Amino acid sequence: MNDFNSLLQPEARIQPKKGELLAPELRIFALIRLGIKDTAQIAHFLDYSLPTIYNYRSRIHSLSVYPKEEFDKLVMQLP
């Protein structure tokens, strides 16, 4: 989680709520790291709507300190 947060602006860092292991944004990008890049599949796995997945991904991309393409590459390289 700290590695992922290092890709975001300091004020945008993600912390799971009490009782959660991962925040929804982290779940989405964990699935992407596992090779599931299809938004429909991610929505199905997490039981979210397609617009919800698009919104989470867009929000995270806008909060990144890197351009979208570079951010996606860096996410895939996280340990």
C-alpha atoms as a PDB file:
ATOM      1  CA  MET A   1       0.000   0.000   0.000  1.00  0.00           C
ATOM      2  CA  ASN A   2       2.822   2.426   0.807  1.00  0.00           C
ATOM      3  CA  ASP A   3       4.404   1.733  -2.570  1.00  0.00           C
ATOM      4  CA  PHE A   4       1.127   2.542  -4.321  1.00  0.00           C
ATOM      5  CA  ASN A   5       0.640   5.665  -2.220  1.00  0.00           C
ATOM      6  CA  SER A   6       4.091   6.891  -3.218  1.00  0.00           C
ATOM      7  CA  LEU A   7       2.721   7.301  -6.766  1.00  0.00           C
ATOM      8  CA  LEU A   8       0.028   9.702  -5.549  1.00  0.00           C
ATOM      9  CA  GLN A   9       0.131  13.300  -4.412  1.00  0.00           C
ATOM     10  CA  PRO A  10       0.759  13.476  -0.643  1.00  0.00           C
ATOM     11  CA  GLU A  11      -2.721  14.813   0.153  1.00  0.00           C
ATOM     12  CA  ALA A  12      -4.338  12.065  -1.956  1.00  0.00           C
ATOM     13  CA  ARG A  13      -2.779   9.054  -0.233  1.00  0.00           C
ATOM     14  CA  ILE A  14      -5.235   6.224   0.383  1.00  0.00           C
ATOM     15  CA  GLN A  15      -5.862   4.685   3.778  1.00  0.00           C
ATOM     16  CA  PRO A  16      -8.365   1.859   4.281  1.00  0.00           C
ATOM     17  CA  LYS A  17     -11.246   2.597   6.613  1.00  0.00           C
ATOM     18  CA  LYS A  18     -11.296   0.916   9.979  1.00  0.00           C
ATOM     19  CA  GLY A  19     -12.085  -2.778   9.515  1.00  0.00           C
ATOM     20  CA  GLU A  20     -11.099  -2.798   5.806  1.00  0.00           C
ATOM     21  CA  LEU A  21      -8.033  -4.576   4.519  1.00  0.00           C
ATOM     22  CA  LEU A  22      -7.964  -2.635   1.261  1.00  0.00           C
ATOM     23  CA  ALA A  23      -9.740   0.484   0.062  1.00  0.00           C
ATOM     24  CA  PRO A  24     -11.785   0.086  -3.156  1.00  0.00           C
ATOM     25  CA  GLU A  25      -9.141   1.944  -5.175  1.00  0.00           C
ATOM     26  CA  LEU A  26      -6.461  -0.444  -3.959  1.00  0.00           C
ATOM     27  CA  ARG A  27      -8.640  -3.458  -4.795  1.00  0.00           C
ATOM     28  CA  ILE A  28      -9.095  -2.222  -8.349  1.00  0.00           C
ATOM     29  CA  PHE A  29      -5.394  -1.685  -8.911  1.00  0.00           C
ATOM     30  CA  ALA A  30      -4.565  -5.007  -7.215  1.00  0.00           C
ATOM     31  CA  LEU A  31      -6.701  -6.764  -9.831  1.00  0.00           C
ATOM     32  CA  ILE A  32      -5.001  -4.777 -12.572  1.00  0.00           C
ATOM     33  CA  ARG A  33      -1.615  -5.894 -11.210  1.00  0.00           C
ATOM     34  CA  LEU A  34      -2.862  -9.493 -11.355  1.00  0.00           C
ATOM     35  CA  GLY A  35      -3.460  -9.013 -15.079  1.00  0.00           C
ATOM     36  CA  ILE A  36      -7.193  -8.313 -15.020  1.00  0.00           C
ATOM     37  CA  LYS A  37      -7.391  -5.135 -17.044  1.00  0.00           C
ATOM     38  CA  ASP A  38     -10.905  -5.443 -18.448  1.00  0.00           C
ATOM     39  CA  THR A  39     -13.133  -2.980 -16.621  1.00  0.00           C
ATOM     40  CA  ALA A  40     -16.171  -5.264 -16.950  1.00  0.00           C
ATOM     41  CA  GLN A  41     -14.299  -8.123 -15.280  1.00  0.00           C
ATOM     42  CA  ILE A  42     -13.076  -5.869 -12.482  1.00  0.00           C
ATOM     43  CA  ALA A  43     -16.631  -4.616 -11.933  1.00  0.00           C
ATOM     44  CA  HIS A  44     -17.897  -8.199 -11.823  1.00  0.00           C
ATOM     45  CA  PHE A  45     -15.235  -9.372  -9.344  1.00  0.00           C
ATOM     46  CA  LEU A  46     -15.784  -6.445  -6.995  1.00  0.00           C
ATOM     47  CA  ASP A  47     -19.561  -6.271  -7.510  1.00  0.00           C
ATOM     48  CA  TYR A  48     -19.356  -2.638  -8.623  1.00  0.00           C
ATOM     49  CA  SER A  49     -20.958  -0.983 -11.628  1.00  0.00           C
ATOM     50  CA  LEU A  50     -18.871  -0.130 -14.699  1.00  0.00           C
ATOM     51  CA  PRO A  51     -19.200   3.634 -14.094  1.00  0.00           C
ATOM     52  CA  THR A  52     -17.976   3.140 -10.523  1.00  0.00           C
ATOM     53  CA  ILE A  53     -14.806   1.409 -11.745  1.00  0.00           C
ATOM     54  CA  TYR A  54     -14.243   4.122 -14.375  1.00  0.00           C
ATOM     55  CA  ASN A  55     -14.722   6.829 -11.739  1.00  0.00           C
ATOM     56  CA  TYR A  56     -12.287   5.248  -9.277  1.00  0.00           C
ATOM     57  CA  ARG A  57      -9.661   4.760 -11.989  1.00  0.00           C
ATOM     58  CA  SER A  58     -10.091   8.293 -13.347  1.00  0.00           C
ATOM     59  CA  ARG A  59      -9.907   9.769  -9.859  1.00  0.00           C
ATOM     60  CA  ILE A  60      -6.686   7.923  -9.060  1.00  0.00           C
ATOM     61  CA  HIS A  61      -5.143   8.905 -12.397  1.00  0.00           C
ATOM     62  CA  SER A  62      -5.972  12.548 -11.724  1.00  0.00           C
ATOM     63  CA  LEU A  63      -4.369  12.340  -8.247  1.00  0.00           C
ATOM     64  CA  SER A  64      -1.175  10.748  -9.495  1.00  0.00           C
ATOM     65  CA  VAL A  65       2.108  12.613  -9.620  1.00  0.00           C
ATOM     66  CA  TYR A  66       2.777  10.901 -12.985  1.00  0.00           C
ATOM     67  CA  PRO A  67       1.031  11.026 -16.362  1.00  0.00           C
ATOM     68  CA  LYS A  68      -1.583   8.281 -16.818  1.00  0.00           C
ATOM     69  CA  GLU A  69       0.534   6.023 -19.064  1.00  0.00           C
ATOM     70  CA  GLU A  70       3.578   6.259 -16.819  1.00  0.00           C
ATOM     71  CA  PHE A  71       1.422   5.712 -13.707  1.00  0.00           C
ATOM     72  CA  ASP A  72      -0.016   2.489 -15.169  1.00  0.00           C
ATOM     73  CA  LYS A  73       3.487   1.208 -15.975  1.00  0.00           C
ATOM     74  CA  LEU A  74       4.728   2.049 -12.487  1.00  0.00           C
ATOM     75  CA  VAL A  75       1.753   0.280 -10.897  1.00  0.00           C
ATOM     76  CA  MET A  76       2.658  -2.871 -12.812  1.00  0.00           C
ATOM     77  CA  GLN A  77       6.248  -2.636 -11.540  1.00  0.00           C
ATOM     78  CA  LEU A  78       5.339  -2.344  -7.844  1.00  0.00           C
ATOM     79  CA  PRO A  79       6.702  -5.137  -5.644  1.00  0.00           C
END
